[in-house]
Amino acid sequence: MSDNNNIVLYGTNWCGGSRRVSRFFDEHEIPYDYINIDADKKAALFVESVNRGFRSVPTIVWPDGSLLVEPSLSELAKKIGVDLP
């Protein structure tokens, strides 16, 4: 399961936004746990619970408990403290 010190990325394999965030984390060597909500019913229910009943992905939970939902790359960069080219 998830390490409390890691970012948790809830997404789906078919979602371009989920793949974009995963690629962004990989490129910046940011450790994260990926949870596919299509394969994990409890994870899907969690995502729905924090998004007013919607399965909005990507939903990202940060180690401090804060959330970003469907963020832009600039929002991600600001959150992790990197500059975009």
N, C-alpha and C. Protein backbone atom coordinates (compact mmCIF):
# COMPACT_ATOMS: atom_id res chain seq x y z
N MET A 1 0.84 -1.19 0.00
CA MET A 1 0.00 0.00 0.00
C MET A 1 0.88 1.24 0.00
N SER A 2 0.33 2.37 0.30
CA SER A 2 1.01 3.65 0.21
C SER A 2 1.92 3.93 1.40
N ASP A 3 3.06 4.52 1.12
CA ASP A 3 3.98 5.00 2.16
C ASP A 3 3.52 6.41 2.52
N ASN A 4 3.31 6.69 3.80
CA ASN A 4 2.80 8.00 4.21
C ASN A 4 3.68 9.16 3.79
N ASN A 5 4.95 8.89 3.47
CA ASN A 5 5.84 9.97 3.06
C ASN A 5 5.78 10.23 1.57
N ASN A 6 5.05 9.42 0.83
CA ASN A 6 4.96 9.59 -0.61
C ASN A 6 3.68 10.32 -1.00
N ILE A 7 3.75 10.94 -2.14
CA ILE A 7 2.58 11.49 -2.81
C ILE A 7 1.77 10.30 -3.31
N VAL A 8 0.46 10.41 -3.25
CA VAL A 8 -0.40 9.36 -3.79
C VAL A 8 -1.16 9.95 -4.97
N LEU A 9 -0.97 9.32 -6.13
CA LEU A 9 -1.64 9.73 -7.36
C LEU A 9 -2.74 8.73 -7.65
N TYR A 10 -3.98 9.19 -7.55
CA TYR A 10 -5.13 8.37 -7.93
C TYR A 10 -5.46 8.70 -9.37
N GLY A 11 -5.51 7.68 -10.21
CA GLY A 11 -5.78 7.92 -11.61
C GLY A 11 -6.36 6.70 -12.29
N THR A 12 -6.40 6.77 -13.62
CA THR A 12 -6.81 5.63 -14.44
C THR A 12 -5.82 5.52 -15.59
N ASN A 13 -5.72 4.32 -16.13
CA ASN A 13 -4.79 4.10 -17.23
C ASN A 13 -5.21 4.81 -18.51
N TRP A 14 -6.51 5.05 -18.69
CA TRP A 14 -7.01 5.67 -19.91
C TRP A 14 -7.02 7.20 -19.84
N CYS A 15 -6.74 7.77 -18.68
CA CYS A 15 -6.82 9.23 -18.49
C CYS A 15 -5.51 9.90 -18.88
N GLY A 16 -5.57 10.78 -19.87
CA GLY A 16 -4.39 11.52 -20.29
C GLY A 16 -3.80 12.36 -19.18
N GLY A 17 -4.63 12.95 -18.36
CA GLY A 17 -4.15 13.76 -17.24
C GLY A 17 -3.38 12.94 -16.23
N SER A 18 -3.86 11.73 -15.95
CA SER A 18 -3.16 10.83 -15.02
C SER A 18 -1.79 10.47 -15.57
N ARG A 19 -1.73 10.16 -16.87
CA ARG A 19 -0.44 9.82 -17.50
C ARG A 19 0.49 11.04 -17.50
N ARG A 20 -0.05 12.23 -17.73
CA ARG A 20 0.75 13.46 -17.75
C ARG A 20 1.38 13.72 -16.38
N VAL A 21 0.60 13.58 -15.31
CA VAL A 21 1.11 13.81 -13.96
C VAL A 21 2.15 12.75 -13.61
N SER A 22 1.88 11.51 -13.95
CA SER A 22 2.84 10.43 -13.69
C SER A 22 4.17 10.71 -14.41
N ARG A 23 4.09 11.12 -15.66
CA ARG A 23 5.29 11.44 -16.44
C ARG A 23 6.04 12.62 -15.81
N PHE A 24 5.31 13.63 -15.36
CA PHE A 24 5.90 14.80 -14.71
C PHE A 24 6.67 14.38 -13.45
N PHE A 25 6.05 13.56 -12.61
CA PHE A 25 6.72 13.08 -11.39
C PHE A 25 7.97 12.27 -11.76
N ASP A 26 7.84 11.39 -12.74
CA ASP A 26 8.97 10.57 -13.16
C ASP A 26 10.13 11.45 -13.67
N GLU A 27 9.82 12.43 -14.51
CA GLU A 27 10.85 13.30 -15.07
C GLU A 27 11.58 14.11 -14.00
N HIS A 28 10.87 14.43 -12.92
CA HIS A 28 11.47 15.22 -11.84
C HIS A 28 11.92 14.35 -10.66
N GLU A 29 11.88 13.04 -10.86
CA GLU A 29 12.31 12.07 -9.86
C GLU A 29 11.61 12.28 -8.51
N ILE A 30 10.31 12.51 -8.59
CA ILE A 30 9.48 12.70 -7.41
C ILE A 30 8.85 11.35 -7.07
N PRO A 31 9.14 10.79 -5.88
CA PRO A 31 8.53 9.50 -5.52
C PRO A 31 7.03 9.66 -5.29
N TYR A 32 6.28 8.68 -5.78
CA TYR A 32 4.83 8.70 -5.60
C TYR A 32 4.31 7.28 -5.69
N ASP A 33 3.12 7.09 -5.17
CA ASP A 33 2.41 5.82 -5.29
C ASP A 33 1.25 6.06 -6.25
N TYR A 34 1.11 5.18 -7.23
CA TYR A 34 0.02 5.28 -8.20
C TYR A 34 -1.05 4.27 -7.84
N ILE A 35 -2.29 4.72 -7.78
CA ILE A 35 -3.41 3.82 -7.51
C ILE A 35 -4.44 4.01 -8.62
N ASN A 36 -4.69 2.91 -9.33
CA ASN A 36 -5.65 2.91 -10.42
C ASN A 36 -7.04 2.71 -9.83
N ILE A 37 -7.89 3.74 -9.92
CA ILE A 37 -9.22 3.64 -9.31
C ILE A 37 -10.15 2.71 -10.07
N ASP A 38 -9.80 2.35 -11.31
CA ASP A 38 -10.61 1.36 -12.02
C ASP A 38 -10.38 -0.04 -11.45
N ALA A 39 -9.24 -0.25 -10.81
CA ALA A 39 -8.89 -1.57 -10.27
C ALA A 39 -9.03 -1.65 -8.76
N ASP A 40 -9.33 -0.53 -8.10
CA ASP A 40 -9.38 -0.49 -6.64
C ASP A 40 -10.65 0.25 -6.22
N LYS A 41 -11.67 -0.52 -5.84
CA LYS A 41 -12.98 0.06 -5.50
C LYS A 41 -12.89 1.02 -4.31
N LYS A 42 -12.10 0.66 -3.28
CA LYS A 42 -11.96 1.55 -2.13
C LYS A 42 -11.33 2.88 -2.55
N ALA A 43 -10.34 2.82 -3.44
CA ALA A 43 -9.71 4.04 -3.93
C ALA A 43 -10.70 4.88 -4.72
N ALA A 44 -11.52 4.23 -5.54
CA ALA A 44 -12.54 4.95 -6.31
C ALA A 44 -13.52 5.66 -5.38
N LEU A 45 -13.93 4.97 -4.32
CA LEU A 45 -14.84 5.59 -3.35
C LEU A 45 -14.18 6.77 -2.65
N PHE A 46 -12.88 6.66 -2.34
CA PHE A 46 -12.16 7.78 -1.73
C PHE A 46 -12.16 8.98 -2.67
N VAL A 47 -11.81 8.74 -3.94
CA VAL A 47 -11.76 9.84 -4.91
C VAL A 47 -13.14 10.50 -5.02
N GLU A 48 -14.18 9.70 -5.09
CA GLU A 48 -15.53 10.25 -5.14
C GLU A 48 -15.85 11.06 -3.89
N SER A 49 -15.40 10.59 -2.74
CA SER A 49 -15.71 11.28 -1.47
C SER A 49 -15.06 12.65 -1.37
N VAL A 50 -13.91 12.84 -2.00
CA VAL A 50 -13.23 14.13 -1.92
C VAL A 50 -13.53 15.03 -3.13
N ASN A 51 -14.33 14.51 -4.08
CA ASN A 51 -14.66 15.28 -5.28
C ASN A 51 -16.17 15.36 -5.52
N ARG A 52 -16.91 15.54 -4.44
CA ARG A 52 -18.37 15.74 -4.51
C ARG A 52 -19.07 14.68 -5.36
N GLY A 53 -18.63 13.42 -5.21
CA GLY A 53 -19.27 12.32 -5.90
C GLY A 53 -18.71 12.01 -7.28
N PHE A 54 -17.77 12.80 -7.74
CA PHE A 54 -17.19 12.59 -9.07
C PHE A 54 -15.90 11.78 -8.98
N ARG A 55 -15.63 11.02 -10.03
CA ARG A 55 -14.38 10.25 -10.12
C ARG A 55 -13.35 11.11 -10.85
N SER A 56 -13.06 12.26 -10.31
CA SER A 56 -12.14 13.22 -10.94
C SER A 56 -10.71 12.74 -10.77
N VAL A 57 -10.05 12.52 -11.91
CA VAL A 57 -8.66 12.10 -11.90
C VAL A 57 -7.87 12.97 -12.87
N PRO A 58 -6.63 13.21 -12.57
CA PRO A 58 -5.92 12.72 -11.40
C PRO A 58 -6.31 13.48 -10.13
N THR A 59 -6.39 12.74 -9.04
CA THR A 59 -6.51 13.31 -7.71
C THR A 59 -5.21 12.97 -7.00
N ILE A 60 -4.54 13.99 -6.48
CA ILE A 60 -3.24 13.80 -5.86
C ILE A 60 -3.34 14.18 -4.39
N VAL A 61 -2.90 13.25 -3.53
CA VAL A 61 -2.86 13.50 -2.08
C VAL A 61 -1.39 13.65 -1.70
N TRP A 62 -1.07 14.78 -1.09
CA TRP A 62 0.30 15.09 -0.70
C TRP A 62 0.56 14.60 0.72
N PRO A 63 1.81 14.39 1.09
CA PRO A 63 2.11 13.89 2.44
C PRO A 63 1.51 14.73 3.57
N ASP A 64 1.30 16.04 3.32
CA ASP A 64 0.71 16.90 4.36
C ASP A 64 -0.82 16.80 4.40
N GLY A 65 -1.40 15.94 3.52
CA GLY A 65 -2.85 15.76 3.51
C GLY A 65 -3.58 16.66 2.53
N SER A 66 -2.88 17.61 1.93
CA SER A 66 -3.54 18.50 0.96
C SER A 66 -3.79 17.75 -0.35
N LEU A 67 -4.71 18.29 -1.15
CA LEU A 67 -5.12 17.66 -2.41
C LEU A 67 -4.92 18.61 -3.58
N LEU A 68 -4.62 18.03 -4.72
CA LEU A 68 -4.72 18.72 -6.01
C LEU A 68 -5.54 17.80 -6.90
N VAL A 69 -6.53 18.38 -7.57
CA VAL A 69 -7.38 17.61 -8.46
C VAL A 69 -7.28 18.19 -9.86
N GLU A 70 -6.96 17.33 -10.81
CA GLU A 70 -6.81 17.72 -12.21
C GLU A 70 -5.93 18.96 -12.36
N PRO A 71 -4.73 18.95 -11.75
CA PRO A 71 -3.89 20.14 -11.80
C PRO A 71 -3.21 20.33 -13.15
N SER A 72 -2.88 21.59 -13.44
CA SER A 72 -2.05 21.89 -14.60
C SER A 72 -0.60 21.59 -14.25
N LEU A 73 0.25 21.54 -15.26
CA LEU A 73 1.68 21.32 -14.99
C LEU A 73 2.26 22.47 -14.17
N SER A 74 1.79 23.68 -14.40
CA SER A 74 2.31 24.82 -13.61
C SER A 74 1.90 24.71 -12.14
N GLU A 75 0.69 24.22 -11.87
CA GLU A 75 0.28 23.99 -10.48
C GLU A 75 1.15 22.93 -9.82
N LEU A 76 1.44 21.86 -10.56
CA LEU A 76 2.31 20.80 -10.02
C LEU A 76 3.71 21.34 -9.74
N ALA A 77 4.26 22.08 -10.70
CA ALA A 77 5.60 22.63 -10.56
C ALA A 77 5.68 23.54 -9.33
N LYS A 78 4.66 24.37 -9.15
CA LYS A 78 4.64 25.28 -7.99
C LYS A 78 4.57 24.47 -6.69
N LYS A 79 3.75 23.42 -6.67
CA LYS A 79 3.59 22.63 -5.46
C LYS A 79 4.87 21.93 -5.05
N ILE A 80 5.65 21.43 -6.03
CA ILE A 80 6.88 20.72 -5.68
C ILE A 80 8.12 21.62 -5.73
N GLY A 81 7.94 22.88 -6.13
CA GLY A 81 9.03 23.84 -6.09
C GLY A 81 10.04 23.72 -7.22
N VAL A 82 9.55 23.43 -8.43
CA VAL A 82 10.44 23.40 -9.59
C VAL A 82 9.97 24.43 -10.61
N ASP A 83 10.90 24.89 -11.42
CA ASP A 83 10.58 25.83 -12.48
C ASP A 83 10.32 25.07 -13.77
N LEU A 84 9.32 25.47 -14.50
CA LEU A 84 9.07 24.89 -15.82
C LEU A 84 9.90 25.65 -16.85
N PRO A 85 10.35 24.95 -17.89
CA PRO A 85 11.14 25.64 -18.93
C PRO A 85 10.30 26.67 -19.68
